[in-house]
């Protein structure tokens, strides 16, 4: 079954929009993972420094 040009164009646009959205979501989750990793690192650093501060006294 042959599709009209406008229909094909609409399909392409929809597919492109979906692809863009999924890429954006992937990038967001990557950014969030990096933020979480940095926070976890900072928390661990604080915990270790506290442990040593208590240990030294």
PDB file of N, CA and C in Angstrom:
ATOM      1  N   UNK A   1       0.841  -1.197   0.000  1.00  0.00           N
ATOM      2  CA  UNK A   1       0.000   0.000   0.000  1.00  0.00           C
ATOM      3  C   UNK A   1       0.879   1.251   0.000  1.00  0.00           C
ATOM      4  N   UNK A   2       0.635   2.107  -0.968  1.00  0.00           N
ATOM      5  CA  UNK A   2       1.447   3.319  -1.115  1.00  0.00           C
ATOM      6  C   UNK A   2       0.932   4.435  -0.216  1.00  0.00           C
ATOM      7  N   UNK A   3       1.867   5.110   0.420  1.00  0.00           N
ATOM      8  CA  UNK A   3       1.509   6.224   1.310  1.00  0.00           C
ATOM      9  C   UNK A   3       1.680   7.550   0.575  1.00  0.00           C
ATOM     10  N   UNK A   4       0.896   8.519   0.954  1.00  0.00           N
ATOM     11  CA  UNK A   4       1.033   9.848   0.345  1.00  0.00           C
ATOM     12  C   UNK A   4       2.273  10.537   0.915  1.00  0.00           C
ATOM     13  N   UNK A   5       2.763  11.515   0.187  1.00  0.00           N
ATOM     14  CA  UNK A   5       3.983  12.228   0.614  1.00  0.00           C
ATOM     15  C   UNK A   5       3.821  12.879   1.976  1.00  0.00           C
ATOM     16  N   UNK A   6       2.658  13.472   2.207  1.00  0.00           N
ATOM     17  CA  UNK A   6       2.444  14.151   3.494  1.00  0.00           C
ATOM     18  C   UNK A   6       2.452  13.141   4.635  1.00  0.00           C
ATOM     19  N   UNK A   7       1.860  11.960   4.369  1.00  0.00           N
ATOM     20  CA  UNK A   7       1.826  10.921   5.399  1.00  0.00           C
ATOM     21  C   UNK A   7       3.240  10.437   5.726  1.00  0.00           C
ATOM     22  N   UNK A   8       4.012  10.212   4.679  1.00  0.00           N
ATOM     23  CA  UNK A   8       5.402   9.782   4.875  1.00  0.00           C
ATOM     24  C   UNK A   8       6.169  10.840   5.655  1.00  0.00           C
ATOM     25  N   UNK A   9       5.961  12.104   5.289  1.00  0.00           N
ATOM     26  CA  UNK A   9       6.621  13.202   5.990  1.00  0.00           C
ATOM     27  C   UNK A   9       6.252  13.241   7.457  1.00  0.00           C
ATOM     28  N   UNK A  10       4.962  13.030   7.724  1.00  0.00           N
ATOM     29  CA  UNK A  10       4.492  13.043   9.109  1.00  0.00           C
ATOM     30  C   UNK A  10       5.148  11.901   9.899  1.00  0.00           C
ATOM     31  N   UNK A  11       5.201  10.711   9.287  1.00  0.00           N
ATOM     32  CA  UNK A  11       5.841   9.563   9.952  1.00  0.00           C
ATOM     33  C   UNK A  11       7.293   9.872  10.286  1.00  0.00           C
ATOM     34  N   UNK A  12       7.986  10.471   9.299  1.00  0.00           N
ATOM     35  CA  UNK A  12       9.406  10.813   9.522  1.00  0.00           C
ATOM     36  C   UNK A  12       9.569  11.780  10.677  1.00  0.00           C
ATOM     37  N   UNK A  13       8.709  12.807  10.705  1.00  0.00           N
ATOM     38  CA  UNK A  13       8.773  13.807  11.767  1.00  0.00           C
ATOM     39  C   UNK A  13       8.545  13.167  13.133  1.00  0.00           C
ATOM     40  N   UNK A  14       7.537  12.299  13.200  1.00  0.00           N
ATOM     41  CA  UNK A  14       7.211  11.627  14.467  1.00  0.00           C
ATOM     42  C   UNK A  14       8.395  10.783  14.933  1.00  0.00           C
ATOM     43  N   UNK A  15       8.958  10.022  13.987  1.00  0.00           N
ATOM     44  CA  UNK A  15      10.083   9.153  14.346  1.00  0.00           C
ATOM     45  C   UNK A  15      11.279   9.979  14.819  1.00  0.00           C
ATOM     46  N   UNK A  16      11.529  11.090  14.136  1.00  0.00           N
ATOM     47  CA  UNK A  16      12.636  11.973  14.503  1.00  0.00           C
ATOM     48  C   UNK A  16      12.425  12.552  15.906  1.00  0.00           C
ATOM     49  N   UNK A  17      11.193  12.968  16.181  1.00  0.00           N
ATOM     50  CA  UNK A  17      10.874  13.540  17.494  1.00  0.00           C
ATOM     51  C   UNK A  17      11.076  12.501  18.593  1.00  0.00           C
ATOM     52  N   UNK A  18      10.631  11.270  18.327  1.00  0.00           N
ATOM     53  CA  UNK A  18      10.807  10.189  19.316  1.00  0.00           C
ATOM     54  C   UNK A  18      12.279   9.935  19.581  1.00  0.00           C
ATOM     55  N   UNK A  19      13.038   9.891  18.478  1.00  0.00           N
ATOM     56  CA  UNK A  19      14.473   9.638  18.619  1.00  0.00           C
ATOM     57  C   UNK A  19      15.141  10.736  19.447  1.00  0.00           C
ATOM     58  N   UNK A  20      14.760  11.993  19.133  1.00  0.00           N
ATOM     59  CA  UNK A  20      15.338  13.135  19.855  1.00  0.00           C
ATOM     60  C   UNK A  20      15.001  13.058  21.340  1.00  0.00           C
ATOM     61  N   UNK A  21      13.742  12.720  21.644  1.00  0.00           N
ATOM     62  CA  UNK A  21      13.304  12.644  23.034  1.00  0.00           C
ATOM     63  C   UNK A  21      14.054  11.532  23.785  1.00  0.00           C
ATOM     64  N   UNK A  22      14.205  10.377  23.141  1.00  0.00           N
ATOM     65  CA  UNK A  22      14.885   9.264  23.821  1.00  0.00           C
ATOM     66  C   UNK A  22      16.357   9.600  24.055  1.00  0.00           C
ATOM     67  N   UNK A  23      16.975  10.267  23.072  1.00  0.00           N
ATOM     68  CA  UNK A  23      18.373  10.687  23.251  1.00  0.00           C
ATOM     69  C   UNK A  23      18.500  11.671  24.404  1.00  0.00           C
ATOM     70  N   UNK A  24      17.553  12.608  24.473  1.00  0.00           N
ATOM     71  CA  UNK A  24      17.560  13.617  25.528  1.00  0.00           C
ATOM     72  C   UNK A  24      17.419  12.960  26.889  1.00  0.00           C
ATOM     73  N   UNK A  25      16.487  11.983  26.977  1.00  0.00           N
ATOM     74  CA  UNK A  25      16.276  11.269  28.239  1.00  0.00           C
ATOM     75  C   UNK A  25      17.534  10.519  28.649  1.00  0.00           C
ATOM     76  N   UNK A  26      18.174   9.891  27.670  1.00  0.00           N
ATOM     77  CA  UNK A  26      19.409   9.152  27.945  1.00  0.00           C
ATOM     78  C   UNK A  26      20.478  10.100  28.491  1.00  0.00           C
ATOM     79  N   UNK A  27      20.609  11.260  27.872  1.00  0.00           N
ATOM     80  CA  UNK A  27      21.598  12.246  28.318  1.00  0.00           C
ATOM     81  C   UNK A  27      21.269  12.729  29.726  1.00  0.00           C
ATOM     82  N   UNK A  28      19.975  12.954  30.000  1.00  0.00           N
ATOM     83  CA  UNK A  28      19.559  13.396  31.333  1.00  0.00           C
ATOM     84  C   UNK A  28      19.937  12.365  32.388  1.00  0.00           C
ATOM     85  N   UNK A  29      19.657  11.098  32.093  1.00  0.00           N
ATOM     86  CA  UNK A  29      19.958  10.058  33.083  1.00  0.00           C
ATOM     87  C   UNK A  29      21.471   9.961  33.301  1.00  0.00           C
ATOM     88  N   UNK A  30      22.247  10.160  32.222  1.00  0.00           N
ATOM     89  CA  UNK A  30      23.707  10.151  32.378  1.00  0.00           C
ATOM     90  C   UNK A  30      24.153  11.278  33.293  1.00  0.00           C
ATOM     91  N   UNK A  31      23.572  12.483  33.065  1.00  0.00           N
ATOM     92  CA  UNK A  31      23.913  13.635  33.905  1.00  0.00           C
ATOM     93  C   UNK A  31      23.559  13.358  35.355  1.00  0.00           C
ATOM     94  N   UNK A  32      22.358  12.789  35.564  1.00  0.00           N
ATOM     95  CA  UNK A  32      21.929  12.480  36.925  1.00  0.00           C
ATOM     96  C   UNK A  32      22.860  11.478  37.582  1.00  0.00           C
ATOM     97  N   UNK A  33      23.288  10.470  36.817  1.00  0.00           N
ATOM     98  CA  UNK A  33      24.204   9.474  37.375  1.00  0.00           C
ATOM     99  C   UNK A  33      25.500  10.144  37.809  1.00  0.00           C
ATOM    100  N   UNK A  34      25.974  11.082  36.989  1.00  0.00           N
ATOM    101  CA  UNK A  34      27.219  11.771  37.332  1.00  0.00           C
ATOM    102  C   UNK A  34      27.039  12.599  38.609  1.00  0.00           C
ATOM    103  N   UNK A  35      25.905  13.280  38.710  1.00  0.00           N
ATOM    104  CA  UNK A  35      25.622  14.095  39.897  1.00  0.00           C
ATOM    105  C   UNK A  35      25.572  13.201  41.130  1.00  0.00           C
ATOM    106  N   UNK A  36      24.868  12.054  40.995  1.00  0.00           N
ATOM    107  CA  UNK A  36      24.779  11.123  42.124  1.00  0.00           C
ATOM    108  C   UNK A  36      26.150  10.602  42.526  1.00  0.00           C
ATOM    109  N   UNK A  37      26.968  10.287  41.531  1.00  0.00           N
ATOM    110  CA  UNK A  37      28.317   9.772  41.813  1.00  0.00           C
ATOM    111  C   UNK A  37      29.137  10.816  42.560  1.00  0.00           C
ATOM    112  N   UNK A  38      29.057  12.053  42.116  1.00  0.00           N
ATOM    113  CA  UNK A  38      29.815  13.135  42.766  1.00  0.00           C
ATOM    114  C   UNK A  38      29.341  13.300  44.204  1.00  0.00           C
ATOM    115  N   UNK A  39      28.008  13.299  44.395  1.00  0.00           N
ATOM    116  CA  UNK A  39      27.452  13.445  45.745  1.00  0.00           C
ATOM    117  C   UNK A  39      27.893  12.306  46.650  1.00  0.00           C
ATOM    118  N   UNK A  40      27.841  11.080  46.111  1.00  0.00           N
ATOM    119  CA  UNK A  40      28.231   9.907  46.896  1.00  0.00           C
ATOM    120  C   UNK A  40      29.688  10.017  47.311  1.00  0.00           C
ATOM    121  N   UNK A  41      30.508  10.469  46.388  1.00  0.00           N
ATOM    122  CA  UNK A  41      31.934  10.651  46.660  1.00  0.00           C
ATOM    123  C   UNK A  41      32.129  11.673  47.782  1.00  0.00           C
ATOM    124  N   UNK A  42      31.399  12.788  47.695  1.00  0.00           N
ATOM    125  CA  UNK A  42      31.513  13.830  48.718  1.00  0.00           C
ATOM    126  C   UNK A  42      31.074  13.310  50.083  1.00  0.00           C
ATOM    127  N   UNK A  43      29.951  12.578  50.111  1.00  0.00           N
ATOM    128  CA  UNK A  43      29.434  12.036  51.372  1.00  0.00           C
ATOM    129  C   UNK A  43      30.443  11.069  51.971  1.00  0.00           C
ATOM    130  N   UNK A  44      31.000  10.197  51.146  1.00  0.00           N
ATOM    131  CA  UNK A  44      32.001   9.242  51.632  1.00  0.00           C
ATOM    132  C   UNK A  44      33.218   9.974  52.181  1.00  0.00           C
ATOM    133  N   UNK A  45      33.624  11.020  51.485  1.00  0.00           N
ATOM    134  CA  UNK A  45      34.784  11.805  51.916  1.00  0.00           C
ATOM    135  C   UNK A  45      34.524  12.421  53.291  1.00  0.00           C
ATOM    136  N   UNK A  46      33.321  12.990  53.453  1.00  0.00           N
ATOM    137  CA  UNK A  46      32.960  13.592  54.743  1.00  0.00           C
ATOM    138  C   UNK A  46      32.958  12.541  55.841  1.00  0.00           C
ATOM    139  N   UNK A  47      32.381  11.373  55.534  1.00  0.00           N
ATOM    140  CA  UNK A  47      32.276  10.301  56.520  1.00  0.00           C
ATOM    141  C   UNK A  47      33.676   9.855  56.969  1.00  0.00           C
ATOM    142  N   UNK A  48      34.564   9.666  56.005  1.00  0.00           N
ATOM    143  CA  UNK A  48      35.932   9.233  56.302  1.00  0.00           C
ATOM    144  C   UNK A  48      36.659  10.289  57.122  1.00  0.00           C
ATOM    145  N   UNK A  49      36.500  11.563  56.711  1.00  0.00           N
ATOM    146  CA  UNK A  49      37.195  12.629  57.441  1.00  0.00           C
ATOM    147  C   UNK A  49      36.649  12.739  58.865  1.00  0.00           C
ATOM    148  N   UNK A  50      35.348  12.528  59.041  1.00  0.00           N
ATOM    149  CA  UNK A  50      34.767  12.533  60.389  1.00  0.00           C
ATOM    150  C   UNK A  50      35.337  11.388  61.224  1.00  0.00           C
ATOM    151  N   UNK A  51      35.433  10.230  60.606  1.00  0.00           N
ATOM    152  CA  UNK A  51      35.950   9.056  61.311  1.00  0.00           C
ATOM    153  C   UNK A  51      37.379   9.320  61.805  1.00  0.00           C
ATOM    154  N   UNK A  52      38.181   9.911  60.932  1.00  0.00           N
ATOM    155  CA  UNK A  52      39.570  10.198  61.319  1.00  0.00           C
ATOM    156  C   UNK A  52      39.636  11.312  62.358  1.00  0.00           C
ATOM    157  N   UNK A  53      38.719  12.288  62.288  1.00  0.00           N
ATOM    158  CA  UNK A  53      38.687  13.382  63.264  1.00  0.00           C
ATOM    159  C   UNK A  53      38.387  12.826  64.653  1.00  0.00           C
ATOM    160  N   UNK A  54      37.444  11.865  64.692  1.00  0.00           N
ATOM    161  CA  UNK A  54      37.085  11.240  65.988  1.00  0.00           C
ATOM    162  C   UNK A  54      38.229  10.333  66.440  1.00  0.00           C
ATOM    163  N   UNK A  55      38.844   9.649  65.496  1.00  0.00           N
ATOM    164  CA  UNK A  55      39.905   8.677  65.794  1.00  0.00           C
ATOM    165  C   UNK A  55      41.149   9.356  66.370  1.00  0.00           C
ATOM    166  N   UNK A  56      41.432  10.575  65.875  1.00  0.00           N
ATOM    167  CA  UNK A  56      42.644  11.272  66.327  1.00  0.00           C
ATOM    168  C   UNK A  56      42.572  11.758  67.773  1.00  0.00           C
ATOM    169  N   UNK A  57      41.361  12.031  68.237  1.00  0.00           N
ATOM    170  CA  UNK A  57      41.218  12.598  69.595  1.00  0.00           C
ATOM    171  C   UNK A  57      41.483  11.601  70.689  1.00  0.00           C
TER     172      UNK A  57
END
